[in-house]
PDB file of N, CA and C in Angstrom:
ATOM      1  N   MET A   1     110.206 160.483  73.503  1.00  0.00           N
ATOM      2  CA  MET A   1     110.195 161.907  73.221  1.00  0.00           C
ATOM      3  C   MET A   1     110.303 162.726  74.512  1.00  0.00           C
ATOM      4  N   MET A   2     109.622 162.259  75.563  1.00  0.00           N
ATOM      5  CA  MET A   2     109.649 162.978  76.826  1.00  0.00           C
ATOM      6  C   MET A   2     111.048 162.956  77.442  1.00  0.00           C
ATOM      7  N   MET A   3     111.752 161.806  77.302  1.00  0.00           N
ATOM      8  CA  MET A   3     113.101 161.713  77.841  1.00  0.00           C
ATOM      9  C   MET A   3     114.028 162.699  77.146  1.00  0.00           C
ATOM     10  N   LEU A   4     113.859 162.875  75.853  1.00  0.00           N
ATOM     11  CA  LEU A   4     114.696 163.808  75.098  1.00  0.00           C
ATOM     12  C   LEU A   4     114.454 165.249  75.549  1.00  0.00           C
ATOM     13  N   ILE A   5     113.204 165.609  75.802  1.00  0.00           N
ATOM     14  CA  ILE A   5     112.893 166.952  76.286  1.00  0.00           C
ATOM     15  C   ILE A   5     113.479 167.174  77.677  1.00  0.00           C
ATOM     16  N   LEU A   6     113.373 166.169  78.549  1.00  0.00           N
ATOM     17  CA  LEU A   6     113.959 166.279  79.890  1.00  0.00           C
ATOM     18  C   LEU A   6     115.484 166.381  79.820  1.00  0.00           C
ATOM     19  N   LEU A   7     116.094 165.615  78.936  1.00  0.00           N
ATOM     20  CA  LEU A   7     117.547 165.630  78.800  1.00  0.00           C
ATOM     21  C   LEU A   7     118.046 166.970  78.278  1.00  0.00           C
ATOM     22  N   ILE A   8     117.384 167.509  77.281  1.00  0.00           N
ATOM     23  CA  ILE A   8     117.783 168.804  76.719  1.00  0.00           C
ATOM     24  C   ILE A   8     117.579 169.920  77.738  1.00  0.00           C
ATOM     25  N   SER A   9     116.472 169.883  78.476  1.00  0.00           N
ATOM     26  CA  SER A   9     116.263 170.926  79.488  1.00  0.00           C
ATOM     27  C   SER A   9     117.281 170.811  80.613  1.00  0.00           C
ATOM     28  N   GLY A  10     117.711 169.598  80.950  1.00  0.00           N
ATOM     29  CA  GLY A  10     118.765 169.426  81.948  1.00  0.00           C
ATOM     30  C   GLY A  10     120.094 169.981  81.470  1.00  0.00           C
ATOM     31  N   PHE A  11     120.427 169.764  80.188  1.00  0.00           N
ATOM     32  CA  PHE A  11     121.661 170.312  79.644  1.00  0.00           C
ATOM     33  C   PHE A  11     121.622 171.834  79.572  1.00  0.00           C
ATOM     34  N   ILE A  12     120.471 172.383  79.231  1.00  0.00           N
ATOM     35  CA  ILE A  12     120.339 173.846  79.194  1.00  0.00           C
ATOM     36  C   ILE A  12     120.506 174.427  80.592  1.00  0.00           C
ATOM     37  N   ALA A  13     119.911 173.775  81.586  1.00  0.00           N
ATOM     38  CA  ALA A  13     120.076 174.252  82.972  1.00  0.00           C
ATOM     39  C   ALA A  13     121.528 174.118  83.419  1.00  0.00           C
ATOM     40  N   PHE A  14     122.206 173.057  83.000  1.00  0.00           N
ATOM     41  CA  PHE A  14     123.598 172.859  83.392  1.00  0.00           C
ATOM     42  C   PHE A  14     124.499 173.931  82.785  1.00  0.00           C
ATOM     43  N   VAL A  15     124.247 174.293  81.542  1.00  0.00           N
ATOM     44  CA  VAL A  15     125.074 175.300  80.873  1.00  0.00           C
ATOM     45  C   VAL A  15     124.756 176.699  81.379  1.00  0.00           C
ATOM     46  N   SER A  16     123.496 176.974  81.654  1.00  0.00           N
ATOM     47  CA  SER A  16     123.130 178.333  82.041  1.00  0.00           C
ATOM     48  C   SER A  16     123.472 178.651  83.499  1.00  0.00           C
ATOM     49  N   MET A  17     123.614 177.656  84.358  1.00  0.00           N
ATOM     50  CA  MET A  17     123.905 177.891  85.773  1.00  0.00           C
ATOM     51  C   MET A  17     125.311 177.427  86.121  1.00  0.00           C
ATOM     52  N   HIS A  18     126.287 177.782  85.332  1.00  0.00           N
ATOM     53  CA  HIS A  18     127.630 177.267  85.524  1.00  0.00           C
ATOM     54  C   HIS A  18     128.415 177.980  86.614  1.00  0.00           C
ATOM     55  N   LYS A  19     127.888 179.052  87.198  1.00  0.00           N
ATOM     56  CA  LYS A  19     128.622 179.784  88.228  1.00  0.00           C
ATOM     57  C   LYS A  19     128.348 179.260  89.640  1.00  0.00           C
ATOM     58  N   HIS A  20     127.247 178.597  89.845  1.00  0.00           N
ATOM     59  CA  HIS A  20     126.849 178.144  91.174  1.00  0.00           C
ATOM     60  C   HIS A  20     126.929 176.616  91.218  1.00  0.00           C
ATOM     61  N   THR A  21     127.699 176.080  92.139  1.00  0.00           N
ATOM     62  CA  THR A  21     127.978 174.655  92.172  1.00  0.00           C
ATOM     63  C   THR A  21     126.748 173.826  92.537  1.00  0.00           C
ATOM     64  N   LEU A  22     125.937 174.291  93.451  1.00  0.00           N
ATOM     65  CA  LEU A  22     124.762 173.531  93.860  1.00  0.00           C
ATOM     66  C   LEU A  22     123.753 173.419  92.713  1.00  0.00           C
ATOM     67  N   ASN A  23     123.561 174.485  91.966  1.00  0.00           N
ATOM     68  CA  ASN A  23     122.651 174.420  90.827  1.00  0.00           C
ATOM     69  C   ASN A  23     123.179 173.482  89.740  1.00  0.00           C
ATOM     70  N   MET A  24     124.489 173.453  89.559  1.00  0.00           N
ATOM     71  CA  MET A  24     125.062 172.522  88.594  1.00  0.00           C
ATOM     72  C   MET A  24     124.848 171.082  89.037  1.00  0.00           C
ATOM     73  N   LEU A  25     124.988 170.825  90.327  1.00  0.00           N
ATOM     74  CA  LEU A  25     124.768 169.485  90.841  1.00  0.00           C
ATOM     75  C   LEU A  25     123.304 169.075  90.691  1.00  0.00           C
ATOM     76  N   LEU A  26     122.390 169.987  90.946  1.00  0.00           N
ATOM     77  CA  LEU A  26     120.970 169.678  90.777  1.00  0.00           C
ATOM     78  C   LEU A  26     120.614 169.408  89.317  1.00  0.00           C
ATOM     79  N   SER A  27     121.212 170.154  88.401  1.00  0.00           N
ATOM     80  CA  SER A  27     120.925 169.901  86.991  1.00  0.00           C
ATOM     81  C   SER A  27     121.544 168.582  86.532  1.00  0.00           C
ATOM     82  N   LEU A  28     122.695 168.199  87.090  1.00  0.00           N
ATOM     83  CA  LEU A  28     123.264 166.888  86.777  1.00  0.00           C
ATOM     84  C   LEU A  28     122.363 165.760  87.293  1.00  0.00           C
ATOM     85  N   GLU A  29     121.803 165.940  88.466  1.00  0.00           N
ATOM     86  CA  GLU A  29     120.866 164.944  88.988  1.00  0.00           C
ATOM     87  C   GLU A  29     119.593 164.878  88.133  1.00  0.00           C
ATOM     88  N   PHE A  30     119.154 166.017  87.604  1.00  0.00           N
ATOM     89  CA  PHE A  30     118.001 166.025  86.710  1.00  0.00           C
ATOM     90  C   PHE A  30     118.313 165.278  85.418  1.00  0.00           C
ATOM     91  N   ILE A  31     119.531 165.438  84.906  1.00  0.00           N
ATOM     92  CA  ILE A  31     119.941 164.708  83.706  1.00  0.00           C
ATOM     93  C   ILE A  31     119.963 163.208  83.993  1.00  0.00           C
ATOM     94  N   MET A  32     120.489 162.829  85.146  1.00  0.00           N
ATOM     95  CA  MET A  32     120.517 161.411  85.517  1.00  0.00           C
ATOM     96  C   MET A  32     119.104 160.849  85.668  1.00  0.00           C
ATOM     97  N   LEU A  33     118.209 161.637  86.236  1.00  0.00           N
ATOM     98  CA  LEU A  33     116.819 161.193  86.380  1.00  0.00           C
ATOM     99  C   LEU A  33     116.158 160.993  85.018  1.00  0.00           C
ATOM    100  N   SER A  34     116.430 161.886  84.074  1.00  0.00           N
ATOM    101  CA  SER A  34     115.857 161.725  82.738  1.00  0.00           C
ATOM    102  C   SER A  34     116.436 160.503  82.039  1.00  0.00           C
ATOM    103  N   LEU A  35     117.710 160.209  82.283  1.00  0.00           N
ATOM    104  CA  LEU A  35     118.293 158.999  81.707  1.00  0.00           C
ATOM    105  C   LEU A  35     117.698 157.742  82.329  1.00  0.00           C
ATOM    106  N   VAL A  36     117.392 157.776  83.614  1.00  0.00           N
ATOM    107  CA  VAL A  36     116.746 156.630  84.270  1.00  0.00           C
ATOM    108  C   VAL A  36     115.348 156.414  83.706  1.00  0.00           C
ATOM    109  N   VAL A  37     114.625 157.496  83.477  1.00  0.00           N
ATOM    110  CA  VAL A  37     113.286 157.378  82.881  1.00  0.00           C
ATOM    111  C   VAL A  37     113.394 156.779  81.487  1.00  0.00           C
ATOM    112  N   GLY A  38     114.352 157.243  80.696  1.00  0.00           N
ATOM    113  CA  GLY A  38     114.540 156.701  79.355  1.00  0.00           C
ATOM    114  C   GLY A  38     114.955 155.246  79.365  1.00  0.00           C
ATOM    115  N   LEU A  39     115.852 154.868  80.281  1.00  0.00           N
ATOM    116  CA  LEU A  39     116.254 153.463  80.376  1.00  0.00           C
ATOM    117  C   LEU A  39     115.106 152.577  80.839  1.00  0.00           C
ATOM    118  N   THR A  40     114.257 153.105  81.707  1.00  0.00           N
ATOM    119  CA  THR A  40     113.098 152.328  82.159  1.00  0.00           C
ATOM    120  C   THR A  40     112.128 152.078  81.011  1.00  0.00           C
ATOM    121  N   PHE A  41     111.853 153.111  80.226  1.00  0.00           N
ATOM    122  CA  PHE A  41     110.973 152.920  79.065  1.00  0.00           C
ATOM    123  C   PHE A  41     111.593 151.968  78.060  1.00  0.00           C
ATOM    124  N   LEU A  42     112.896 152.067  77.859  1.00  0.00           N
ATOM    125  CA  LEU A  42     113.576 151.184  76.916  1.00  0.00           C
ATOM    126  C   LEU A  42     113.563 149.748  77.413  1.00  0.00           C
ATOM    127  N   ALA A  43     113.780 149.549  78.706  1.00  0.00           N
ATOM    128  CA  ALA A  43     113.790 148.193  79.259  1.00  0.00           C
ATOM    129  C   ALA A  43     112.408 147.556  79.216  1.00  0.00           C
ATOM    130  N   THR A  44     111.365 148.339  79.419  1.00  0.00           N
ATOM    131  CA  THR A  44     110.019 147.757  79.368  1.00  0.00           C
ATOM    132  C   THR A  44     109.590 147.483  77.937  1.00  0.00           C
ATOM    133  N   ASN A  45     109.991 148.314  77.001  1.00  0.00           N
ATOM    134  CA  ASN A  45     109.592 148.088  75.607  1.00  0.00           C
ATOM    135  C   ASN A  45     110.356 146.931  74.967  1.00  0.00           C
ATOM    136  N   LEU A  46     111.604 146.748  75.318  1.00  0.00           N
ATOM    137  CA  LEU A  46     112.410 145.679  74.725  1.00  0.00           C
ATOM    138  C   LEU A  46     112.465 144.424  75.587  1.00  0.00           C
ATOM    139  N   GLU A  47     111.756 144.427  76.706  1.00  0.00           N
ATOM    140  CA  GLU A  47     111.683 143.309  77.643  1.00  0.00           C
ATOM    141  C   GLU A  47     113.084 142.861  78.061  1.00  0.00           C
ATOM    142  N   MET A  48     113.895 143.844  78.462  1.00  0.00           N
ATOM    143  CA  MET A  48     115.250 143.577  78.919  1.00  0.00           C
ATOM    144  C   MET A  48     115.257 143.377  80.431  1.00  0.00           C
ATOM    145  N   GLU A  49     116.411 142.969  80.942  1.00  0.00           N
ATOM    146  CA  GLU A  49     116.592 142.873  82.384  1.00  0.00           C
ATOM    147  C   GLU A  49     116.650 144.276  82.977  1.00  0.00           C
ATOM    148  N   SER A  50     116.078 144.450  84.121  1.00  0.00           N
ATOM    149  CA  SER A  50     116.036 145.776  84.736  1.00  0.00           C
ATOM    150  C   SER A  50     117.144 145.981  85.758  1.00  0.00           C
ATOM    151  N   TYR A  51     118.117 145.077  85.847  1.00  0.00           N
ATOM    152  CA  TYR A  51     119.199 145.229  86.809  1.00  0.00           C
ATOM    153  C   TYR A  51     120.129 146.376  86.433  1.00  0.00           C
ATOM    154  N   PHE A  52     120.270 146.647  85.156  1.00  0.00           N
ATOM    155  CA  PHE A  52     121.121 147.747  84.720  1.00  0.00           C
ATOM    156  C   PHE A  52     120.604 149.079  85.248  1.00  0.00           C
ATOM    157  N   ILE A  53     119.294 149.225  85.347  1.00  0.00           N
ATOM    158  CA  ILE A  53     118.704 150.454  85.869  1.00  0.00           C
ATOM    159  C   ILE A  53     119.066 150.631  87.342  1.00  0.00           C
ATOM    160  N   LEU A  54     119.098 149.539  88.095  1.00  0.00           N
ATOM    161  CA  LEU A  54     119.488 149.621  89.503  1.00  0.00           C
ATOM    162  C   LEU A  54     120.955 149.999  89.647  1.00  0.00           C
ATOM    163  N   TYR A  55     121.820 149.462  88.791  1.00  0.00           N
ATOM    164  CA  TYR A  55     123.229 149.856  88.798  1.00  0.00           C
ATOM    165  C   TYR A  55     123.368 151.334  88.469  1.00  0.00           C
ATOM    166  N   PHE A  56     122.612 151.780  87.494  1.00  0.00           N
ATOM    167  CA  PHE A  56     122.668 153.183  87.082  1.00  0.00           C
ATOM    168  C   PHE A  56     122.192 154.094  88.213  1.00  0.00           C
ATOM    169  N   LEU A  57     121.132 153.715  88.904  1.00  0.00           N
ATOM    170  CA  LEU A  57     120.654 154.500  90.041  1.00  0.00           C
ATOM    171  C   LEU A  57     121.666 154.521  91.182  1.00  0.00           C
ATOM    172  N   THR A  58     122.385 153.418  91.375  1.00  0.00           N
ATOM    173  CA  THR A  58     123.423 153.372  92.403  1.00  0.00           C
ATOM    174  C   THR A  58     124.544 154.347  92.085  1.00  0.00           C
ATOM    175  N   PHE A  59     124.984 154.362  90.826  1.00  0.00           N
ATOM    176  CA  PHE A  59     126.031 155.300  90.437  1.00  0.00           C
ATOM    177  C   PHE A  59     125.545 156.745  90.507  1.00  0.00           C
ATOM    178  N   ALA A  60     124.280 156.982  90.205  1.00  0.00           N
ATOM    179  CA  ALA A  60     123.738 158.336  90.310  1.00  0.00           C
ATOM    180  C   ALA A  60     123.696 158.796  91.763  1.00  0.00           C
ATOM    181  N   ALA A  61     123.360 157.912  92.679  1.00  0.00           N
ATOM    182  CA  ALA A  61     123.354 158.271  94.100  1.00  0.00           C
ATOM    183  C   ALA A  61     124.770 158.532  94.607  1.00  0.00           C
ATOM    184  N   CYS A  62     125.726 157.731  94.143  1.00  0.00           N
ATOM    185  CA  CYS A  62     127.124 157.963  94.531  1.00  0.00           C
ATOM    186  C   CYS A  62     127.636 159.280  93.966  1.00  0.00           C
ATOM    187  N   GLU A  63     127.228 159.615  92.756  1.00  0.00           N
ATOM    188  CA  GLU A  63     127.618 160.893  92.155  1.00  0.00           C
ATOM    189  C   GLU A  63     127.041 162.071  92.935  1.00  0.00           C
ATOM    190  N   GLY A  64     125.814 161.941  93.398  1.00  0.00           N
ATOM    191  CA  GLY A  64     125.201 162.998  94.204  1.00  0.00           C
ATOM    192  C   GLY A  64     125.879 163.160  95.547  1.00  0.00           C
ATOM    193  N   ALA A  65     126.215 162.039  96.188  1.00  0.00           N
ATOM    194  CA  ALA A  65     126.904 162.115  97.481  1.00  0.00           C
ATOM    195  C   ALA A  65     128.301 162.705  97.331  1.00  0.00           C
ATOM    196  N   LEU A  66     128.991 162.344  96.276  1.00  0.00           N
ATOM    197  CA  LEU A  66     130.324 162.896  96.029  1.00  0.00           C
ATOM    198  C   LEU A  66     130.249 164.393  95.732  1.00  0.00           C
ATOM    199  N   GLY A  67     129.253 164.802  94.974  1.00  0.00           N
ATOM    200  CA  GLY A  67     129.074 166.225  94.691  1.00  0.00           C
ATOM    201  C   GLY A  67     128.774 167.029  95.938  1.00  0.00           C
ATOM    202  N   LEU A  68     127.922 166.495  96.799  1.00  0.00           N
ATOM    203  CA  LEU A  68     127.622 167.202  98.048  1.00  0.00           C
ATOM    204  C   LEU A  68     128.843 167.293  98.955  1.00  0.00           C
ATOM    205  N   SER A  69     129.660 166.249  98.981  1.00  0.00           N
ATOM    206  CA  SER A  69     130.865 166.318  99.804  1.00  0.00           C
ATOM    207  C   SER A  69     131.861 167.331  99.250  1.00  0.00           C
ATOM    208  N   ILE A  70     131.937 167.457  97.936  1.00  0.00           N
ATOM    209  CA  ILE A  70     132.804 168.478  97.331  1.00  0.00           C
ATOM    210  C   ILE A  70     132.291 169.876  97.662  1.00  0.00           C
ATOM    211  N   ILE A  71     130.981 170.061  97.643  1.00  0.00           N
ATOM    212  CA  ILE A  71     130.410 171.367  97.988  1.00  0.00           C
ATOM    213  C   ILE A  71     130.705 171.713  99.445  1.00  0.00           C
ATOM    214  N   VAL A  72     130.571 170.747 100.346  1.00  0.00           N
ATOM    215  CA  VAL A  72     130.854 171.005 101.761  1.00  0.00           C
ATOM    216  C   VAL A  72     132.318 171.355 101.965  1.00  0.00           C
ATOM    217  N   ALA A  73     133.216 170.633 101.296  1.00  0.00           N
ATOM    218  CA  ALA A  73     134.641 170.931 101.424  1.00  0.00           C
ATOM    219  C   ALA A  73     134.976 172.298 100.837  1.00  0.00           C
ATOM    220  N   MET A  74     134.327 172.672  99.740  1.00  0.00           N
ATOM    221  CA  MET A  74     134.584 173.969  99.120  1.00  0.00           C
ATOM    222  C   MET A  74     134.062 175.109  99.989  1.00  0.00           C
ATOM    223  N   ILE A  75     132.913 174.932 100.605  1.00  0.00           N
ATOM    224  CA  ILE A  75     132.361 175.975 101.479  1.00  0.00           C
ATOM    225  C   ILE A  75     133.219 176.128 102.737  1.00  0.00           C
ATOM    226  N   ARG A  76     133.717 175.021 103.260  1.00  0.00           N
ATOM    227  CA  ARG A  76     134.567 175.110 104.453  1.00  0.00           C
ATOM    228  C   ARG A  76     135.910 175.775 104.150  1.00  0.00           C
ATOM    229  N   SER A  77     136.447 175.550 102.957  1.00  0.00           N
ATOM    230  CA  SER A  77     137.766 176.109 102.667  1.00  0.00           C
ATOM    231  C   SER A  77     137.709 177.514 102.069  1.00  0.00           C
ATOM    232  N   HIS A  78     136.662 177.821 101.285  1.00  0.00           N
ATOM    233  CA  HIS A  78     136.615 179.114 100.580  1.00  0.00           C
ATOM    234  C   HIS A  78     135.487 180.030 101.024  1.00  0.00           C
ATOM    235  N   GLY A  79     134.524 179.536 101.752  1.00  0.00           N
ATOM    236  CA  GLY A  79     133.471 180.394 102.271  1.00  0.00           C
ATOM    237  C   GLY A  79     132.202 180.411 101.444  1.00  0.00           C
ATOM    238  N   SER A  80     132.247 180.038 100.171  1.00  0.00           N
ATOM    239  CA  SER A  80     131.033 179.965  99.356  1.00  0.00           C
ATOM    240  C   SER A  80     131.255 178.932  98.257  1.00  0.00           C
ATOM    241  N   ASP A  81     130.198 178.648  97.507  1.00  0.00           N
ATOM    242  CA  ASP A  81     130.330 177.655  96.441  1.00  0.00           C
ATOM    243  C   ASP A  81     130.248 178.282  95.050  1.00  0.00           C
ATOM    244  N   PHE A  82     130.487 179.573  94.954  1.00  0.00           N
ATOM    245  CA  PHE A  82     130.571 180.217  93.651  1.00  0.00           C
ATOM    246  C   PHE A  82     131.957 179.971  93.071  1.00  0.00           C
ATOM    247  N   PHE A  83     132.016 179.734  91.777  1.00  0.00           N
ATOM    248  CA  PHE A  83     133.303 179.455  91.148  1.00  0.00           C
ATOM    249  C   PHE A  83     134.212 180.678  91.124  1.00  0.00           C
ATOM    250  N   TRP A  84     133.640 181.860  91.065  1.00  0.00           N
ATOM    251  CA  TRP A  84     134.458 183.057  90.973  1.00  0.00           C
ATOM    252  C   TRP A  84     135.068 183.450  92.306  1.00  0.00           C
ATOM    253  N   SER A  85     134.667 182.812  93.410  1.00  0.00           N
ATOM    254  CA  SER A  85     135.130 183.236  94.723  1.00  0.00           C
ATOM    255  C   SER A  85     136.462 182.638  95.136  1.00  0.00           C
ATOM    256  N   PHE A  86     136.990 181.680  94.389  1.00  0.00           N
ATOM    257  CA  PHE A  86     138.281 181.115  94.762  1.00  0.00           C
ATOM    258  C   PHE A  86     139.189 181.076  93.532  1.00  0.00           C
ATOM    259  N   ASN A  87     140.468 181.105  93.808  1.00  0.00           N
ATOM    260  CA  ASN A  87     141.471 181.070  92.755  1.00  0.00           C
ATOM    261  C   ASN A  87     142.043 179.659  92.672  1.00  0.00           C
ATOM    262  N   VAL A  88     142.038 179.088  91.495  1.00  0.00           N
ATOM    263  CA  VAL A  88     142.493 177.723  91.312  1.00  0.00           C
ATOM    264  C   VAL A  88     144.017 177.628  91.461  1.00  0.00           C
ATOM    265  N   LEU A  89     144.738 178.687  91.090  1.00  0.00           N
ATOM    266  CA  LEU A  89     146.192 178.653  91.136  1.00  0.00           C
ATOM    267  C   LEU A  89     146.749 178.877  92.531  1.00  0.00           C
ATOM    268  N   GLN A  90     145.923 179.311  93.449  1.00  0.00           N
ATOM    269  CA  GLN A  90     146.372 179.590  94.815  1.00  0.00           C
ATOM    270  C   GLN A  90     146.360 178.306  95.642  1.00  0.00           C
ATOM    271  N   CYS A  91     147.412 178.062  96.419  1.00  0.00           N
ATOM    272  CA  CYS A  91     147.500 176.840  97.225  1.00  0.00           C
ATOM    273  C   CYS A  91     146.711 176.966  98.511  1.00  0.00           C
TER     274      CYS A  91
END
């Protein structure tokens, strides 16, 4: 039940903060954290192997690093990380 509340609050934060890239990245990381908590509870209750959780955490860390690199590239090229500050059609 707690994982579902964390997941829904992460989705609400992701939808409500869609103009600022850093806040979207933080809400995506919160969603990933809630999924890790849910997978951990599921693995302990069903006595499954816990290696899948480590793979999932690895992909979550790679997703965070990729998001931060996109934010750095966007700030260097456009000056800010707001979506409204740059034009997608402009080269």
